Structures are given as structure tokens and as C-alpha cells.
């Protein structure tokens, strides 16, 4: 059996530059990953199967068509193999802006590649990831990177491993398509140049306003996160509704996690990898 982690993805900054003729949007974003995430287990089997466990299993239970099973199908088309027994241990909320489904798909591709001796940098593997969704190539790469285009054109950059992060979701999911459709179409400029700290400090998330209009609960999350002692920055990730705060000290992050814990909210203390 192959066990593969699926770390949550964060967009520390997300600049939307233009709507494209193909229906997508031209983006510039800073991808990072955290220790918290899901886990994918893959083994050769006589009959294909897919099972979901974990605290968020209910959101996917019974779905035969999801990013994990699609990733397995794409891998089979490109490399052969199968059938496989796949189990997803689901710890990340669904439709929450932290790439849970994309991370799961990427982890499935990595697990199958390891099982069948395929190099993780094989271009065909990244072609599979690109066909599955805009965030899947970044999740397959799994390291700090600047993403351009739909997010699939990746430039690895120096990260900041160990920086404490607090993730908070107000217990809601928002539709990525709905959020992008509400983007106001204003190009507010490119991603800042420089090291990760400069990009985070001077960057922004151009989808925040649209997501907050759909889910006003995000307002409260950002307000309380930004007001936590020791918080360096508070921002929404992706198309929401999960928000994050970066901290200088792990002690401040842990204390904030205790203060923000409340019924209905998902609060996760973690760190950059």
C-alpha cells in the first residue's frame, strides 16, 4: 500500500488580472502548503474501489465521480495499471479555498506514480494534473511557487517553512464559479516582486470582496483573525471561505486557536512546509 499526504494549499496572495476568452481568468498567485491536510491510500486490487474516512467523509460519501477517482482514471489513460483500492482520509473541509479536492487529486497521482515506478516529474503526470483542474498542478508540485495563467504555469520560489499558520473556516462552502463570476473585472496590478515576505505584505486577494458578498460570515472571520495578538497578516485563501493568519510565534498561533474555537467553525493550527 502507498500512503500519500495531501497538504492543504494556501494562496498567500491572489491577483486576478483579466477574464479570458476560454472562460477562465488570468491569475498571478503565491502558492504555499501547510502541514495540515488529507491522506490518500492506494493499493493494487482485483476490483476498483473508493472509500472515504475522516471527519469530513460525509461531504463526499457515496460520490463515485470526484477528483480522486478522476485522477485515477487519468493516470490509467496515461500510464495503464489498475484496478486500485483507494481510500481518502478527509480532514479538510470541502469547497473552502484551500485546495482540498485538488490536493487529494495530486496525492492520488503521486501515489499511483510511486506504485508504478513513474517519475514524479514526468511531464505526462503534470498533463494529467492540468486536465483535472487549475490548482492540481501546483498541488502536484507541492512546494512554494508563483502561479500564472490559470495557476498552472509554475515558478518555484524560496518558501518560509515553519511559519505558524491558523486556518479558520466559518463552517460554510462557497462555489468557486460563483465567486469568480462576481469579480468586478478591475485589474489592480501584478503580484509584487521580491521574497515571500514582500509578496505577502504588499499582495492581496482580489476575490475577497466577491466571496464576502456571497458569504458575509467571512467578514467576521477576517476581523477576528486580524485582531489576534501576534498576527502578521490575515487574508482569505483562494475563493474562500477559509481564511488564514500568519504568526511570528507558535505560542501566539496556539493561543489564537483556543480563543477562536467555537461551534460550527473549523479552526486548524498548523505551519508552512
C-alpha atoms as a PDB file:
ATOM      1  CA  UNK A   1       0.000   0.000   0.000  1.00  0.00           C
ATOM      2  CA  UNK A   2       1.162   3.524  -0.819  1.00  0.00           C
ATOM      3  CA  UNK A   3       0.301   6.278   1.675  1.00  0.00           C
ATOM      4  CA  UNK A   4       0.485   9.834   0.355  1.00  0.00           C
ATOM      5  CA  UNK A   5      -0.183  13.086   2.204  1.00  0.00           C
ATOM      6  CA  UNK A   6      -2.330  15.771   0.589  1.00  0.00           C
ATOM      7  CA  UNK A   7      -1.296  19.061   2.234  1.00  0.00           C
ATOM      8  CA  UNK A   8      -3.705  21.979   2.172  1.00  0.00           C
ATOM      9  CA  UNK A   9      -2.893  24.720  -0.303  1.00  0.00           C
ATOM     10  CA  UNK A  10      -2.971  28.420   0.549  1.00  0.00           C
ATOM     11  CA  UNK A  11      -2.942  31.422  -1.759  1.00  0.00           C
ATOM     12  CA  UNK A  12      -0.951  33.924   0.274  1.00  0.00           C
ATOM     13  CA  UNK A  13      -1.763  36.434  -2.455  1.00  0.00           C
ATOM     14  CA  UNK A  14      -4.130  36.097  -5.411  1.00  0.00           C
ATOM     15  CA  UNK A  15      -4.259  38.771  -8.111  1.00  0.00           C
ATOM     16  CA  UNK A  16      -6.887  38.414 -10.827  1.00  0.00           C
ATOM     17  CA  UNK A  17      -5.699  40.229 -13.938  1.00  0.00           C
ATOM     18  CA  UNK A  18      -8.309  39.548 -16.648  1.00  0.00           C
ATOM     19  CA  UNK A  19     -11.128  37.370 -17.869  1.00  0.00           C
ATOM     20  CA  UNK A  20     -10.032  35.067 -20.666  1.00  0.00           C
ATOM     21  CA  UNK A  21     -11.850  34.078 -23.817  1.00  0.00           C
ATOM     22  CA  UNK A  22     -11.809  30.423 -22.720  1.00  0.00           C
ATOM     23  CA  UNK A  23     -13.900  31.252 -19.644  1.00  0.00           C
ATOM     24  CA  UNK A  24     -11.022  31.128 -17.185  1.00  0.00           C
ATOM     25  CA  UNK A  25      -9.271  34.082 -15.552  1.00  0.00           C
ATOM     26  CA  UNK A  26      -5.667  35.190 -15.867  1.00  0.00           C
ATOM     27  CA  UNK A  27      -4.135  34.891 -12.400  1.00  0.00           C
ATOM     28  CA  UNK A  28      -0.955  35.671 -10.522  1.00  0.00           C
ATOM     29  CA  UNK A  29      -0.771  33.893  -7.192  1.00  0.00           C
ATOM     30  CA  UNK A  30       1.628  32.759  -4.494  1.00  0.00           C
ATOM     31  CA  UNK A  31       1.020  29.108  -3.637  1.00  0.00           C
ATOM     32  CA  UNK A  32       2.210  27.672  -0.325  1.00  0.00           C
ATOM     33  CA  UNK A  33       1.399  24.476   1.541  1.00  0.00           C
ATOM     34  CA  UNK A  34       0.872  23.623   5.199  1.00  0.00           C
ATOM     35  CA  UNK A  35       1.286  20.507   7.303  1.00  0.00           C
ATOM     36  CA  UNK A  36      -2.473  20.028   7.750  1.00  0.00           C
ATOM     37  CA  UNK A  37      -4.176  18.012   5.049  1.00  0.00           C
ATOM     38  CA  UNK A  38      -5.834  14.832   3.895  1.00  0.00           C
ATOM     39  CA  UNK A  39      -4.267  11.395   3.344  1.00  0.00           C
ATOM     40  CA  UNK A  40      -4.668   9.121   0.314  1.00  0.00           C
ATOM     41  CA  UNK A  41      -4.001   5.377   0.447  1.00  0.00           C
ATOM     42  CA  UNK A  42      -3.679   3.352  -2.745  1.00  0.00           C
ATOM     43  CA  UNK A  43      -3.185  -0.375  -3.270  1.00  0.00           C
ATOM     44  CA  UNK A  44      -3.451  -2.753  -6.200  1.00  0.00           C
ATOM     45  CA  UNK A  45      -6.741  -4.644  -6.113  1.00  0.00           C
ATOM     46  CA  UNK A  46      -8.802  -7.176  -8.051  1.00  0.00           C
ATOM     47  CA  UNK A  47     -11.682  -4.704  -8.236  1.00  0.00           C
ATOM     48  CA  UNK A  48     -11.655  -0.915  -8.210  1.00  0.00           C
ATOM     49  CA  UNK A  49     -12.990   0.708  -5.044  1.00  0.00           C
ATOM     50  CA  UNK A  50     -13.094   4.110  -3.415  1.00  0.00           C
ATOM     51  CA  UNK A  51     -13.820   4.806   0.245  1.00  0.00           C
ATOM     52  CA  UNK A  52     -13.794   7.946   2.370  1.00  0.00           C
ATOM     53  CA  UNK A  53     -12.983   8.196   6.070  1.00  0.00           C
ATOM     54  CA  UNK A  54     -12.223  11.087   8.409  1.00  0.00           C
ATOM     55  CA  UNK A  55     -14.150  13.998   9.910  1.00  0.00           C
ATOM     56  CA  UNK A  56     -15.284  15.364   6.520  1.00  0.00           C
ATOM     57  CA  UNK A  57     -16.085  12.000   4.960  1.00  0.00           C
ATOM     58  CA  UNK A  58     -19.795  12.811   4.910  1.00  0.00           C
ATOM     59  CA  UNK A  59     -19.323  15.531   2.319  1.00  0.00           C
ATOM     60  CA  UNK A  60     -18.007  13.011  -0.213  1.00  0.00           C
ATOM     61  CA  UNK A  61     -19.527   9.738   0.920  1.00  0.00           C
ATOM     62  CA  UNK A  62     -21.242   7.889  -1.930  1.00  0.00           C
ATOM     63  CA  UNK A  63     -19.781  10.114  -4.678  1.00  0.00           C
ATOM     64  CA  UNK A  64     -18.358   7.926  -7.399  1.00  0.00           C
ATOM     65  CA  UNK A  65     -17.309  10.879  -9.556  1.00  0.00           C
ATOM     66  CA  UNK A  66     -14.856  13.090  -7.671  1.00  0.00           C
ATOM     67  CA  UNK A  67     -11.349  14.423  -8.177  1.00  0.00           C
ATOM     68  CA  UNK A  68      -9.728  11.333  -6.660  1.00  0.00           C
ATOM     69  CA  UNK A  69     -11.493   8.875  -8.966  1.00  0.00           C
ATOM     70  CA  UNK A  70     -10.966  11.209 -11.924  1.00  0.00           C
ATOM     71  CA  UNK A  71      -7.240  11.364 -11.111  1.00  0.00           C
ATOM     72  CA  UNK A  72      -7.072   7.568 -11.072  1.00  0.00           C
ATOM     73  CA  UNK A  73      -8.845   7.424 -14.434  1.00  0.00           C
ATOM     74  CA  UNK A  74      -6.464   9.997 -15.948  1.00  0.00           C
ATOM     75  CA  UNK A  75      -3.461   8.065 -14.643  1.00  0.00           C
ATOM     76  CA  UNK A  76      -4.784   4.820 -16.142  1.00  0.00           C
ATOM     77  CA  UNK A  77      -5.268   6.521 -19.511  1.00  0.00           C
ATOM     78  CA  UNK A  78      -1.714   7.886 -19.484  1.00  0.00           C
ATOM     79  CA  UNK A  79       0.224   5.035 -17.875  1.00  0.00           C
ATOM     80  CA  UNK A  80      -2.024   1.985 -17.638  1.00  0.00           C
ATOM     81  CA  UNK A  81      -2.377  -0.077 -14.487  1.00  0.00           C
ATOM     82  CA  UNK A  82      -5.251  -0.741 -12.139  1.00  0.00           C
ATOM     83  CA  UNK A  83      -7.633  -1.574 -10.756  1.00  0.00           C
ATOM     84  CA  UNK A  84      -6.868   0.034  -7.406  1.00  0.00           C
ATOM     85  CA  UNK A  85      -8.417   0.280  -3.977  1.00  0.00           C
ATOM     86  CA  UNK A  86      -8.269   3.931  -2.931  1.00  0.00           C
ATOM     87  CA  UNK A  87      -9.102   5.353   0.484  1.00  0.00           C
ATOM     88  CA  UNK A  88      -9.300   9.083   1.182  1.00  0.00           C
ATOM     89  CA  UNK A  89      -8.945  10.163   4.811  1.00  0.00           C
ATOM     90  CA  UNK A  90     -10.713  13.528   4.630  1.00  0.00           C
ATOM     91  CA  UNK A  91      -9.659  16.161   7.185  1.00  0.00           C
ATOM     92  CA  UNK A  92     -10.083  19.343   5.103  1.00  0.00           C
ATOM     93  CA  UNK A  93     -13.465  20.994   4.567  1.00  0.00           C
ATOM     94  CA  UNK A  94     -14.885  20.842   1.042  1.00  0.00           C
ATOM     95  CA  UNK A  95     -15.236  23.906  -1.235  1.00  0.00           C
ATOM     96  CA  UNK A  96     -13.203  26.011   1.163  1.00  0.00           C
ATOM     97  CA  UNK A  97     -10.431  27.662  -0.879  1.00  0.00           C
ATOM     98  CA  UNK A  98      -7.561  25.538   0.422  1.00  0.00           C
ATOM     99  CA  UNK A  99      -7.384  23.099  -2.460  1.00  0.00           C
ATOM    100  CA  UNK A 100      -8.729  20.064  -0.636  1.00  0.00           C
ATOM    101  CA  UNK A 101     -10.029  18.330  -3.748  1.00  0.00           C
ATOM    102  CA  UNK A 102      -7.056  19.441  -5.830  1.00  0.00           C
ATOM    103  CA  UNK A 103      -4.626  18.260  -3.154  1.00  0.00           C
ATOM    104  CA  UNK A 104      -6.415  14.900  -2.998  1.00  0.00           C
ATOM    105  CA  UNK A 105      -6.192  14.505  -6.788  1.00  0.00           C
ATOM    106  CA  UNK A 106      -2.498  15.404  -6.778  1.00  0.00           C
ATOM    107  CA  UNK A 107      -1.808  12.979  -3.923  1.00  0.00           C
ATOM    108  CA  UNK A 108      -3.603  10.242  -5.868  1.00  0.00           C
ATOM    109  CA  UNK A 109      -1.406  10.909  -8.899  1.00  0.00           C
ATOM    110  CA  UNK A 110       1.749  10.838  -6.741  1.00  0.00           C
ATOM    111  CA  UNK A 111       0.666   7.634  -5.003  1.00  0.00           C
ATOM    112  CA  UNK A 112      -0.081   5.875  -8.282  1.00  0.00           C
ATOM    113  CA  UNK A 113       3.208   7.112  -9.746  1.00  0.00           C
ATOM    114  CA  UNK A 114       5.102   5.652  -6.788  1.00  0.00           C
ATOM    115  CA  UNK A 115       3.157   2.394  -7.061  1.00  0.00           C
ATOM    116  CA  UNK A 116       4.017   2.023 -10.751  1.00  0.00           C
ATOM    117  CA  UNK A 117       7.534   3.480 -10.808  1.00  0.00           C
ATOM    118  CA  UNK A 118       6.648   6.675 -12.664  1.00  0.00           C
ATOM    119  CA  UNK A 119       8.906   9.658 -12.010  1.00  0.00           C
ATOM    120  CA  UNK A 120       7.129  12.435 -10.143  1.00  0.00           C
ATOM    121  CA  UNK A 121       8.483  14.997 -12.605  1.00  0.00           C
ATOM    122  CA  UNK A 122       7.202  13.081 -15.642  1.00  0.00           C
ATOM    123  CA  UNK A 123       5.534  15.658 -17.940  1.00  0.00           C
ATOM    124  CA  UNK A 124       2.680  13.229 -18.554  1.00  0.00           C
ATOM    125  CA  UNK A 125       1.869  13.291 -14.845  1.00  0.00           C
ATOM    126  CA  UNK A 126       1.616  17.085 -14.908  1.00  0.00           C
ATOM    127  CA  UNK A 127      -0.544  16.846 -18.020  1.00  0.00           C
ATOM    128  CA  UNK A 128      -2.913  14.626 -16.024  1.00  0.00           C
ATOM    129  CA  UNK A 129      -2.916  17.205 -13.210  1.00  0.00           C
ATOM    130  CA  UNK A 130      -3.587  20.108 -15.574  1.00  0.00           C
ATOM    131  CA  UNK A 131      -6.553  18.305 -17.101  1.00  0.00           C
ATOM    132  CA  UNK A 132      -8.089  17.829 -13.643  1.00  0.00           C
ATOM    133  CA  UNK A 133      -8.160  21.470 -12.510  1.00  0.00           C
ATOM    134  CA  UNK A 134      -6.278  24.735 -12.268  1.00  0.00           C
ATOM    135  CA  UNK A 135      -4.851  24.105  -8.778  1.00  0.00           C
ATOM    136  CA  UNK A 136      -3.909  20.446  -9.291  1.00  0.00           C
ATOM    137  CA  UNK A 137      -0.506  21.115 -10.971  1.00  0.00           C
ATOM    138  CA  UNK A 138       0.540  23.318  -8.035  1.00  0.00           C
ATOM    139  CA  UNK A 139      -0.619  20.659  -5.574  1.00  0.00           C
ATOM    140  CA  UNK A 140       1.287  18.015  -7.542  1.00  0.00           C
ATOM    141  CA  UNK A 141       4.433  20.154  -7.329  1.00  0.00           C
ATOM    142  CA  UNK A 142       3.723  20.636  -3.633  1.00  0.00           C
ATOM    143  CA  UNK A 143       6.135  23.480  -2.935  1.00  0.00           C
ATOM    144  CA  UNK A 144       6.071  27.260  -2.695  1.00  0.00           C
ATOM    145  CA  UNK A 145       5.626  28.685  -6.182  1.00  0.00           C
ATOM    146  CA  UNK A 146       4.328  31.606  -8.184  1.00  0.00           C
ATOM    147  CA  UNK A 147       1.421  30.517 -10.355  1.00  0.00           C
ATOM    148  CA  UNK A 148       0.418  32.287 -13.550  1.00  0.00           C
ATOM    149  CA  UNK A 149      -2.079  31.650 -16.323  1.00  0.00           C
ATOM    150  CA  UNK A 150      -4.930  29.686 -14.718  1.00  0.00           C
ATOM    151  CA  UNK A 151      -2.402  28.924 -11.983  1.00  0.00           C
ATOM    152  CA  UNK A 152      -0.822  26.044 -13.898  1.00  0.00           C
ATOM    153  CA  UNK A 153       2.334  27.902 -15.042  1.00  0.00           C
ATOM    154  CA  UNK A 154       4.532  27.439 -12.008  1.00  0.00           C
ATOM    155  CA  UNK A 155       7.765  29.095 -10.899  1.00  0.00           C
ATOM    156  CA  UNK A 156       9.182  27.577  -7.682  1.00  0.00           C
ATOM    157  CA  UNK A 157      10.441  30.185  -5.211  1.00  0.00           C
ATOM    158  CA  UNK A 158      12.009  30.125  -1.770  1.00  0.00           C
ATOM    159  CA  UNK A 159       9.415  29.389   0.899  1.00  0.00           C
ATOM    160  CA  UNK A 160       9.211  30.061   4.627  1.00  0.00           C
ATOM    161  CA  UNK A 161       8.897  26.622   6.257  1.00  0.00           C
ATOM    162  CA  UNK A 162       7.915  26.608   9.904  1.00  0.00           C
ATOM    163  CA  UNK A 163       5.929  29.858   9.897  1.00  0.00           C
ATOM    164  CA  UNK A 164       2.878  29.284  12.168  1.00  0.00           C
ATOM    165  CA  UNK A 165      -0.490  29.458  10.409  1.00  0.00           C
ATOM    166  CA  UNK A 166      -4.022  29.467  11.752  1.00  0.00           C
ATOM    167  CA  UNK A 167      -6.764  28.341   9.357  1.00  0.00           C
ATOM    168  CA  UNK A 168     -10.390  29.239  10.065  1.00  0.00           C
ATOM    169  CA  UNK A 169     -13.494  28.343   8.090  1.00  0.00           C
ATOM    170  CA  UNK A 170     -16.898  29.559   9.365  1.00  0.00           C
ATOM    171  CA  UNK A 171     -18.478  26.219   8.547  1.00  0.00           C
ATOM    172  CA  UNK A 172     -19.555  27.081   5.008  1.00  0.00           C
ATOM    173  CA  UNK A 173     -18.511  26.238   1.474  1.00  0.00           C
ATOM    174  CA  UNK A 174     -18.677  28.675  -1.415  1.00  0.00           C
ATOM    175  CA  UNK A 175     -18.791  27.964  -5.125  1.00  0.00           C
ATOM    176  CA  UNK A 176     -15.584  28.862  -6.944  1.00  0.00           C
ATOM    177  CA  UNK A 177     -17.544  29.629 -10.109  1.00  0.00           C
ATOM    178  CA  UNK A 178     -19.936  31.890  -8.226  1.00  0.00           C
ATOM    179  CA  UNK A 179     -17.084  33.854  -6.669  1.00  0.00           C
ATOM    180  CA  UNK A 180     -15.208  34.305  -9.947  1.00  0.00           C
ATOM    181  CA  UNK A 181     -18.416  35.369 -11.681  1.00  0.00           C
ATOM    182  CA  UNK A 182     -18.756  38.207  -9.156  1.00  0.00           C
ATOM    183  CA  UNK A 183     -15.213  39.523  -9.683  1.00  0.00           C
ATOM    184  CA  UNK A 184     -15.584  43.155 -10.673  1.00  0.00           C
ATOM    185  CA  UNK A 185     -13.223  42.913 -13.649  1.00  0.00           C
ATOM    186  CA  UNK A 186     -10.807  45.548 -12.345  1.00  0.00           C
ATOM    187  CA  UNK A 187      -7.109  44.774 -12.858  1.00  0.00           C
ATOM    188  CA  UNK A 188      -5.468  46.101  -9.700  1.00  0.00           C
ATOM    189  CA  UNK A 189      -1.969  45.273 -10.795  1.00  0.00           C
ATOM    190  CA  UNK A 190       0.549  42.435 -10.796  1.00  0.00           C
ATOM    191  CA  UNK A 191       1.867  40.323  -7.967  1.00  0.00           C
ATOM    192  CA  UNK A 192       4.631  42.201  -6.116  1.00  0.00           C
ATOM    193  CA  UNK A 193       8.190  41.177  -6.870  1.00  0.00           C
ATOM    194  CA  UNK A 194      10.600  40.035  -4.208  1.00  0.00           C
ATOM    195  CA  UNK A 195      10.823  37.443  -1.489  1.00  0.00           C
ATOM    196  CA  UNK A 196       7.807  35.732   0.041  1.00  0.00           C
ATOM    197  CA  UNK A 197       7.509  38.268   2.859  1.00  0.00           C
ATOM    198  CA  UNK A 198       7.277  41.174   0.413  1.00  0.00           C
ATOM    199  CA  UNK A 199       4.670  39.409  -1.718  1.00  0.00           C
ATOM    200  CA  UNK A 200       2.530  38.630   1.322  1.00  0.00           C
ATOM    201  CA  UNK A 201       2.832  42.129   2.802  1.00  0.00           C
ATOM    202  CA  UNK A 202       2.147  44.001  -0.446  1.00  0.00           C
ATOM    203  CA  UNK A 203      -0.184  41.475  -2.054  1.00  0.00           C
ATOM    204  CA  UNK A 204      -3.923  40.925  -1.763  1.00  0.00           C
ATOM    205  CA  UNK A 205      -6.734  38.535  -2.682  1.00  0.00           C
ATOM    206  CA  UNK A 206      -8.846  40.034  -5.449  1.00  0.00           C
ATOM    207  CA  UNK A 207     -11.636  37.524  -4.803  1.00  0.00           C
ATOM    208  CA  UNK A 208     -12.249  38.556  -1.204  1.00  0.00           C
ATOM    209  CA  UNK A 209     -14.894  41.167  -1.996  1.00  0.00           C
ATOM    210  CA  UNK A 210     -16.879  38.777  -4.181  1.00  0.00           C
ATOM    211  CA  UNK A 211     -16.663  35.956  -1.647  1.00  0.00           C
ATOM    212  CA  UNK A 212     -17.682  38.219   1.218  1.00  0.00           C
ATOM    213  CA  UNK A 213     -20.738  39.346  -0.744  1.00  0.00           C
ATOM    214  CA  UNK A 214     -21.787  35.713  -1.117  1.00  0.00           C
ATOM    215  CA  UNK A 215     -20.791  34.659   2.408  1.00  0.00           C
ATOM    216  CA  UNK A 216     -20.789  37.597   4.883  1.00  0.00           C
ATOM    217  CA  UNK A 217     -19.538  35.193   7.569  1.00  0.00           C
ATOM    218  CA  UNK A 218     -16.086  35.696   6.042  1.00  0.00           C
ATOM    219  CA  UNK A 219     -16.149  39.287   7.351  1.00  0.00           C
ATOM    220  CA  UNK A 220     -16.254  38.113  10.951  1.00  0.00           C
ATOM    221  CA  UNK A 221     -13.501  35.562  10.420  1.00  0.00           C
ATOM    222  CA  UNK A 222     -11.144  38.099   8.859  1.00  0.00           C
ATOM    223  CA  UNK A 223     -11.905  40.657  11.557  1.00  0.00           C
ATOM    224  CA  UNK A 224     -11.181  38.323  14.455  1.00  0.00           C
ATOM    225  CA  UNK A 225      -8.122  36.803  12.777  1.00  0.00           C
ATOM    226  CA  UNK A 226      -6.629  40.197  12.027  1.00  0.00           C
ATOM    227  CA  UNK A 227      -7.169  41.263  15.630  1.00  0.00           C
ATOM    228  CA  UNK A 228      -5.264  38.362  17.183  1.00  0.00           C
ATOM    229  CA  UNK A 229      -2.086  39.297  19.080  1.00  0.00           C
ATOM    230  CA  UNK A 230       0.958  38.411  17.027  1.00  0.00           C
ATOM    231  CA  UNK A 231      -0.908  38.035  13.716  1.00  0.00           C
ATOM    232  CA  UNK A 232       1.279  39.308  10.864  1.00  0.00           C
ATOM    233  CA  UNK A 233      -1.374  39.178   8.157  1.00  0.00           C
ATOM    234  CA  UNK A 234      -4.933  37.879   7.835  1.00  0.00           C
ATOM    235  CA  UNK A 235      -6.382  37.050   4.430  1.00  0.00           C
ATOM    236  CA  UNK A 236      -8.801  34.757   2.636  1.00  0.00           C
ATOM    237  CA  UNK A 237      -7.343  31.839   0.668  1.00  0.00           C
ATOM    238  CA  UNK A 238      -8.403  31.156  -2.903  1.00  0.00           C
ATOM    239  CA  UNK A 239     -12.103  31.714  -3.485  1.00  0.00           C
ATOM    240  CA  UNK A 240     -12.897  31.158   0.206  1.00  0.00           C
ATOM    241  CA  UNK A 241     -14.385  30.674   2.633  1.00  0.00           C
ATOM    242  CA  UNK A 242     -11.300  29.564   4.585  1.00  0.00           C
ATOM    243  CA  UNK A 243      -9.153  32.396   5.891  1.00  0.00           C
ATOM    244  CA  UNK A 244      -5.682  32.306   7.404  1.00  0.00           C
ATOM    245  CA  UNK A 245      -3.423  34.301   9.651  1.00  0.00           C
ATOM    246  CA  UNK A 246       0.365  34.058   9.711  1.00  0.00           C
ATOM    247  CA  UNK A 247       2.096  34.429  13.043  1.00  0.00           C
ATOM    248  CA  UNK A 248       5.646  35.115  14.091  1.00  0.00           C
ATOM    249  CA  UNK A 249       5.415  32.870  17.177  1.00  0.00           C
ATOM    250  CA  UNK A 250       3.815  29.444  17.529  1.00  0.00           C
ATOM    251  CA  UNK A 251       2.632  30.401  21.028  1.00  0.00           C
ATOM    252  CA  UNK A 252       0.531  33.254  19.657  1.00  0.00           C
ATOM    253  CA  UNK A 253      -0.921  30.980  16.978  1.00  0.00           C
ATOM    254  CA  UNK A 254      -1.878  28.348  19.557  1.00  0.00           C
ATOM    255  CA  UNK A 255      -3.472  30.952  21.832  1.00  0.00           C
ATOM    256  CA  UNK A 256      -5.486  32.355  18.917  1.00  0.00           C
ATOM    257  CA  UNK A 257      -6.689  28.860  18.028  1.00  0.00           C
ATOM    258  CA  UNK A 258      -8.040  28.429  21.549  1.00  0.00           C
ATOM    259  CA  UNK A 259      -9.775  31.814  21.516  1.00  0.00           C
ATOM    260  CA  UNK A 260     -11.409  31.263  18.116  1.00  0.00           C
ATOM    261  CA  UNK A 261     -12.700  27.741  18.748  1.00  0.00           C
ATOM    262  CA  UNK A 262     -16.487  27.822  18.621  1.00  0.00           C
ATOM    263  CA  UNK A 263     -19.328  25.602  17.437  1.00  0.00           C
ATOM    264  CA  UNK A 264     -19.636  25.478  13.672  1.00  0.00           C
ATOM    265  CA  UNK A 265     -16.188  26.873  12.937  1.00  0.00           C
ATOM    266  CA  UNK A 266     -13.289  24.777  11.636  1.00  0.00           C
ATOM    267  CA  UNK A 267     -10.116  26.001  13.322  1.00  0.00           C
ATOM    268  CA  UNK A 268      -6.776  24.403  12.462  1.00  0.00           C
ATOM    269  CA  UNK A 269      -3.389  25.313  13.913  1.00  0.00           C
ATOM    270  CA  UNK A 270      -0.590  24.363  11.516  1.00  0.00           C
ATOM    271  CA  UNK A 271       2.561  25.677   9.844  1.00  0.00           C
ATOM    272  CA  UNK A 272       4.065  26.266   6.402  1.00  0.00           C
ATOM    273  CA  UNK A 273       6.103  23.469   4.847  1.00  0.00           C
END
